[in-house]
Amino acid sequence: MKSMETFASIQAMARFCRQWLNDALSSLPAGRFFNIALSGGSTPAALFDALVALEKDAVSAGQPGLPWQTIRFFWGDERCVSPEDLDSNYRMTKVHLLDPLEIPNDQVHRIRGENDPLCEVKRYRDLLQTMLPLTGGFPCFDLVVLGLGDDGHTASIFPGNEALFNTNQWCEAVVHPVTGQARVTLTGSLINRASAVAFLVTGASKASIIATIRRQVASCETGGSNETATLPATLVAPIDGRLCWLLDEAAAAGLQDED
């Protein structure tokens, strides 16, 4: 699973992420933006709260905060709902990160869930082409943040949609296989062109799927055929970038059971 970090708390994970961001931002060339695609979910929400608290503590102590003005925010997927809807990934980020840090709107580039999904796929593709550098015909994010579903899905790439890791398309309209909810997602092909990809996974409910993913990844790396890598999260493998799994101790417990 490439690199993996385990943390005792969400606060410890936030400290790691803040230091990682600080190092990455400090090495940016002058005038260059750092482009991040964000994930929805409860883990990012908790992490954003912890990051905001760290920023406020640093500023209160007279220390410099992160140069947030150099970050442009995008999304890896979005539910086809209004930006005020409780299901909106954008709304979650706005409430837990963007508003508390007073991020200007011109740094925020959301997927418009209220639009027709197919029209939004085209609009977001055009936006990415305009704003991001291209590598091998794909926009290249500096960082893609991903979550992990209990079924092994990531972004809005669900089991059965593994073809989205082998496509020339950058974005796609998809449907949740259980709820039927329409969504817009970055494809696996685009995600795997990022300079860095980070999975954020917490909670005991994720321990089993984490262990399954590790088995599938190990099988792929050794050329074995005892288990077919069909989970979308298993197929996240940046071509020229870094992959890092950030887990809390509860999510990592299944890995310890196998050791």
Protein backbone atom coordinates (compact mmCIF):
# COMPACT_ATOMS: atom_id res chain seq x y z
CA MET A 1 0.00 0.00 0.00
CA LYS A 2 3.02 2.27 -0.56
CA SER A 3 3.53 4.50 2.49
CA MET A 4 1.21 4.26 5.46
CA GLU A 5 0.96 6.38 8.58
CA THR A 6 -1.05 5.45 11.66
CA PHE A 7 -2.24 8.03 14.18
CA ALA A 8 -3.62 7.82 17.68
CA SER A 9 -6.06 10.69 17.09
CA ILE A 10 -7.47 12.98 14.42
CA GLN A 11 -5.44 15.77 15.99
CA ALA A 12 -2.23 13.83 15.40
CA MET A 13 -3.28 13.22 11.79
CA ALA A 14 -3.96 16.93 11.38
CA ARG A 15 -0.51 17.83 12.71
CA PHE A 16 1.06 15.48 10.17
CA CYS A 17 -1.02 16.93 7.34
CA ARG A 18 -0.26 20.50 8.35
CA GLN A 19 3.48 19.82 8.36
CA TRP A 20 3.23 18.02 5.02
CA LEU A 21 1.35 20.96 3.52
CA ASN A 22 3.80 23.45 4.99
CA ASP A 23 6.73 21.60 3.41
CA ALA A 24 4.97 21.37 0.04
CA LEU A 25 3.87 25.00 0.00
CA SER A 26 7.26 26.32 1.07
CA SER A 27 8.85 24.74 -2.00
CA LEU A 28 6.38 26.24 -4.49
CA PRO A 29 7.90 28.49 -7.16
CA ALA A 30 6.86 32.13 -6.86
CA GLY A 31 3.43 32.74 -8.33
CA ARG A 32 2.56 29.03 -8.50
CA PHE A 33 -0.66 27.71 -6.96
CA PHE A 34 -0.93 24.37 -5.16
CA ASN A 35 -3.94 22.53 -6.57
CA ILE A 36 -5.86 20.15 -4.28
CA ALA A 37 -8.87 17.94 -5.03
CA LEU A 38 -10.80 17.30 -1.84
CA SER A 39 -13.04 14.50 -0.59
CA GLY A 40 -16.30 14.56 1.29
CA GLY A 41 -17.15 12.47 4.32
CA SER A 42 -16.97 12.51 8.09
CA THR A 43 -13.20 11.93 8.31
CA PRO A 44 -12.26 14.99 6.21
CA ALA A 45 -14.76 17.07 8.21
CA ALA A 46 -13.08 16.09 11.49
CA LEU A 47 -9.63 16.62 9.98
CA PHE A 48 -10.61 20.08 8.69
CA ASP A 49 -11.85 21.04 12.17
CA ALA A 50 -8.53 19.93 13.65
CA LEU A 51 -6.54 21.80 10.99
CA VAL A 52 -8.48 24.99 11.67
CA ALA A 53 -7.82 24.61 15.41
CA LEU A 54 -4.08 24.18 14.74
CA GLU A 55 -4.05 27.30 12.57
CA LYS A 56 -5.82 29.37 15.21
CA ASP A 57 -3.45 28.10 17.91
CA ALA A 58 -0.43 28.98 15.77
CA VAL A 59 -1.65 32.49 15.04
CA SER A 60 -2.59 33.05 18.69
CA ALA A 61 0.94 32.06 19.67
CA GLY A 62 2.41 34.55 17.22
CA GLN A 63 3.55 31.87 14.77
CA PRO A 64 3.00 32.08 11.02
CA GLY A 65 0.02 30.23 9.63
CA LEU A 66 0.06 28.23 6.43
CA PRO A 67 0.04 30.29 3.22
CA TRP A 68 -3.53 29.33 2.35
CA GLN A 69 -3.59 32.02 -0.33
CA THR A 70 -1.41 29.76 -2.49
CA ILE A 71 -3.91 26.85 -2.49
CA ARG A 72 -6.68 26.35 -5.03
CA PHE A 73 -9.43 23.96 -3.97
CA PHE A 74 -11.18 21.50 -6.28
CA TRP A 75 -13.23 18.36 -5.58
CA GLY A 76 -12.76 14.70 -6.45
CA ASP A 77 -16.50 14.09 -6.61
CA GLU A 78 -19.82 15.66 -5.78
CA ARG A 79 -23.36 14.52 -5.22
CA CYS A 80 -25.87 16.08 -7.61
CA VAL A 81 -27.52 18.32 -5.04
CA SER A 82 -27.55 22.03 -4.37
CA PRO A 83 -24.53 23.59 -2.61
CA GLU A 84 -26.73 24.21 0.45
CA ASP A 85 -27.80 20.58 0.73
CA LEU A 86 -26.50 18.60 3.71
CA ASP A 87 -25.26 15.93 1.26
CA SER A 88 -23.04 18.41 -0.60
CA ASN A 89 -19.31 17.74 -0.32
CA TYR A 90 -18.72 21.41 -1.08
CA ARG A 91 -21.01 22.50 1.75
CA MET A 92 -19.16 20.28 4.23
CA THR A 93 -15.81 21.78 3.22
CA LYS A 94 -17.19 25.31 3.28
CA VAL A 95 -18.52 24.87 6.82
CA HIS A 96 -15.51 23.05 8.29
CA LEU A 97 -12.56 24.59 6.41
CA LEU A 98 -13.16 27.36 3.88
CA ASP A 99 -15.31 29.70 5.98
CA PRO A 100 -13.31 29.35 9.22
CA LEU A 101 -10.10 30.14 7.30
CA GLU A 102 -11.78 32.89 5.25
CA ILE A 103 -10.64 31.37 1.95
CA PRO A 104 -11.58 33.74 -0.93
CA ASN A 105 -14.09 32.48 -3.45
CA ASP A 106 -11.63 32.85 -6.33
CA GLN A 107 -9.57 30.02 -4.83
CA VAL A 108 -12.57 27.68 -4.67
CA HIS A 109 -13.59 25.67 -7.74
CA ARG A 110 -16.44 23.38 -6.84
CA ILE A 111 -18.28 20.79 -8.90
CA ARG A 112 -21.73 22.29 -9.37
CA GLY A 113 -23.98 19.55 -8.13
CA GLU A 114 -27.10 21.52 -9.01
CA ASN A 115 -26.27 21.35 -12.74
CA ASP A 116 -27.26 18.61 -15.14
CA PRO A 117 -24.59 15.91 -14.53
CA LEU A 118 -23.52 15.52 -18.16
CA CYS A 119 -23.30 19.27 -18.66
CA GLU A 120 -21.32 19.59 -15.44
CA VAL A 121 -18.86 16.90 -16.56
CA LYS A 122 -18.05 19.00 -19.61
CA ARG A 123 -17.88 22.26 -17.66
CA TYR A 124 -15.57 20.82 -15.00
CA ARG A 125 -13.38 19.20 -17.63
CA ASP A 126 -12.99 22.56 -19.34
CA LEU A 127 -12.22 24.20 -16.00
CA LEU A 128 -9.51 21.66 -15.18
CA GLN A 129 -7.99 22.03 -18.63
CA THR A 130 -7.80 25.80 -18.16
CA MET A 131 -6.43 25.85 -14.61
CA LEU A 132 -4.19 22.80 -14.17
CA PRO A 133 -0.97 21.74 -15.88
CA LEU A 134 -1.36 18.77 -18.21
CA THR A 135 0.73 15.62 -17.88
CA GLY A 136 0.30 12.87 -20.46
CA GLY A 137 -2.93 14.44 -21.64
CA PHE A 138 -4.43 14.66 -18.13
CA PRO A 139 -4.68 17.53 -15.64
CA CYS A 140 -2.18 17.00 -12.84
CA PHE A 141 -3.22 17.83 -9.28
CA ASP A 142 -0.56 18.44 -6.68
CA LEU A 143 -2.67 16.47 -4.21
CA VAL A 144 -5.83 14.38 -4.41
CA VAL A 145 -7.46 13.58 -1.06
CA LEU A 146 -9.60 10.45 -1.06
CA GLY A 147 -11.93 8.71 1.34
CA LEU A 148 -12.80 5.02 1.45
CA GLY A 149 -16.24 3.46 1.48
CA ASP A 150 -17.05 0.24 3.30
CA ASP A 151 -17.50 -1.37 -0.15
CA GLY A 152 -14.04 -0.26 -1.33
CA HIS A 153 -15.23 2.68 -3.41
CA THR A 154 -13.33 5.94 -3.54
CA ALA A 155 -14.34 9.33 -4.92
CA SER A 156 -17.58 8.21 -6.63
CA ILE A 157 -15.98 5.22 -8.34
CA PHE A 158 -17.98 2.24 -7.13
CA PRO A 159 -17.36 -1.51 -7.52
CA GLY A 160 -18.31 -2.35 -11.07
CA ASN A 161 -16.96 0.97 -12.39
CA GLU A 162 -13.31 -0.11 -12.51
CA ALA A 163 -13.22 0.93 -16.21
CA LEU A 164 -12.91 4.50 -14.91
CA PHE A 165 -9.26 3.65 -14.18
CA ASN A 166 -8.71 2.86 -17.85
CA THR A 167 -10.30 5.74 -19.72
CA ASN A 168 -9.20 8.87 -21.52
CA GLN A 169 -11.98 10.83 -19.84
CA TRP A 170 -11.20 13.13 -16.92
CA CYS A 171 -14.65 13.33 -15.32
CA GLU A 172 -17.75 11.17 -15.52
CA ALA A 173 -21.37 11.22 -14.45
CA VAL A 174 -22.18 8.14 -12.37
CA VAL A 175 -25.02 6.75 -10.27
CA HIS A 176 -24.73 5.35 -6.77
CA PRO A 177 -25.46 1.61 -7.14
CA VAL A 178 -27.70 1.45 -4.07
CA THR A 179 -29.41 4.83 -3.73
CA GLY A 180 -29.51 5.74 -7.42
CA GLN A 181 -28.22 9.22 -6.59
CA ALA A 182 -26.50 10.94 -9.51
CA ARG A 183 -22.93 12.11 -8.97
CA VAL A 184 -20.02 13.65 -10.84
CA THR A 185 -16.56 12.19 -10.21
CA LEU A 186 -12.99 12.50 -11.34
CA THR A 187 -11.92 9.30 -13.07
CA GLY A 188 -9.31 6.90 -11.76
CA SER A 189 -7.18 7.72 -14.81
CA LEU A 190 -7.01 11.36 -13.72
CA ILE A 191 -6.52 10.55 -10.04
CA ASN A 192 -3.54 8.36 -10.93
CA ARG A 193 -1.86 11.30 -12.66
CA ALA A 194 -1.67 13.33 -9.44
CA SER A 195 1.68 14.21 -7.90
CA ALA A 196 0.39 12.87 -4.58
CA VAL A 197 -2.68 10.96 -3.42
CA ALA A 198 -3.67 10.62 0.22
CA PHE A 199 -6.37 8.32 1.62
CA LEU A 200 -7.92 9.50 4.89
CA VAL A 201 -9.48 6.56 6.73
CA THR A 202 -10.71 6.36 10.32
CA GLY A 203 -12.88 4.08 12.41
CA ALA A 204 -13.16 0.41 13.26
CA SER A 205 -15.77 -0.08 10.53
CA LYS A 206 -13.00 0.38 7.94
CA ALA A 207 -10.58 -2.19 9.41
CA SER A 208 -11.89 -5.10 7.34
CA ILE A 209 -11.87 -3.29 3.99
CA ILE A 210 -8.39 -1.91 4.69
CA ALA A 211 -7.11 -5.44 5.26
CA THR A 212 -8.79 -6.63 2.04
CA ILE A 213 -7.20 -3.81 0.06
CA ARG A 214 -3.77 -4.65 1.41
CA ARG A 215 -4.22 -8.28 0.34
CA GLN A 216 -5.29 -7.22 -3.14
CA VAL A 217 -2.41 -4.78 -3.51
CA ALA A 218 0.10 -7.39 -2.34
CA SER A 219 -1.35 -9.90 -4.81
CA CYS A 220 -1.00 -7.43 -7.67
CA GLU A 221 2.56 -6.52 -6.72
CA THR A 222 3.67 -10.14 -6.58
CA GLY A 223 1.84 -11.20 -9.72
CA GLY A 224 -0.34 -13.62 -7.78
CA SER A 225 -3.81 -14.59 -8.86
CA ASN A 226 -5.35 -15.74 -5.60
CA GLU A 227 -7.44 -12.61 -5.32
CA THR A 228 -8.59 -10.34 -8.13
CA ALA A 229 -8.10 -6.64 -7.51
CA THR A 230 -11.64 -5.46 -8.15
CA LEU A 231 -12.03 -2.83 -5.45
CA PRO A 232 -11.67 0.69 -6.88
CA ALA A 233 -9.47 1.82 -3.98
CA THR A 234 -7.00 -0.95 -4.80
CA LEU A 235 -6.54 0.51 -8.29
CA VAL A 236 -5.37 3.90 -7.01
CA ALA A 237 -1.70 3.86 -7.95
CA PRO A 238 -0.22 7.19 -9.03
CA ILE A 239 1.88 6.69 -12.15
CA ASP A 240 4.60 9.17 -11.20
CA GLY A 241 3.39 10.32 -7.80
CA ARG A 242 3.28 9.44 -4.13
CA LEU A 243 0.53 7.36 -2.50
CA CYS A 244 0.04 7.65 1.24
CA TRP A 245 -2.55 6.00 3.46
CA LEU A 246 -3.34 7.97 6.63
CA LEU A 247 -5.17 5.74 9.13
CA ASP A 248 -6.21 5.98 12.72
CA GLU A 249 -5.45 3.05 15.01
CA ALA A 250 -8.98 1.64 14.74
CA ALA A 251 -8.87 1.49 10.93
CA ALA A 252 -5.38 -0.03 11.00
CA ALA A 253 -6.35 -2.76 13.48
CA GLY A 254 -7.12 -5.26 10.72
CA LEU A 255 -3.59 -4.94 9.38
CA GLN A 256 -2.13 -5.78 12.78
CA ASP A 257 -4.35 -8.87 12.99
CA GLU A 258 -2.79 -10.17 9.76
CA ASP A 259 0.83 -9.55 10.79
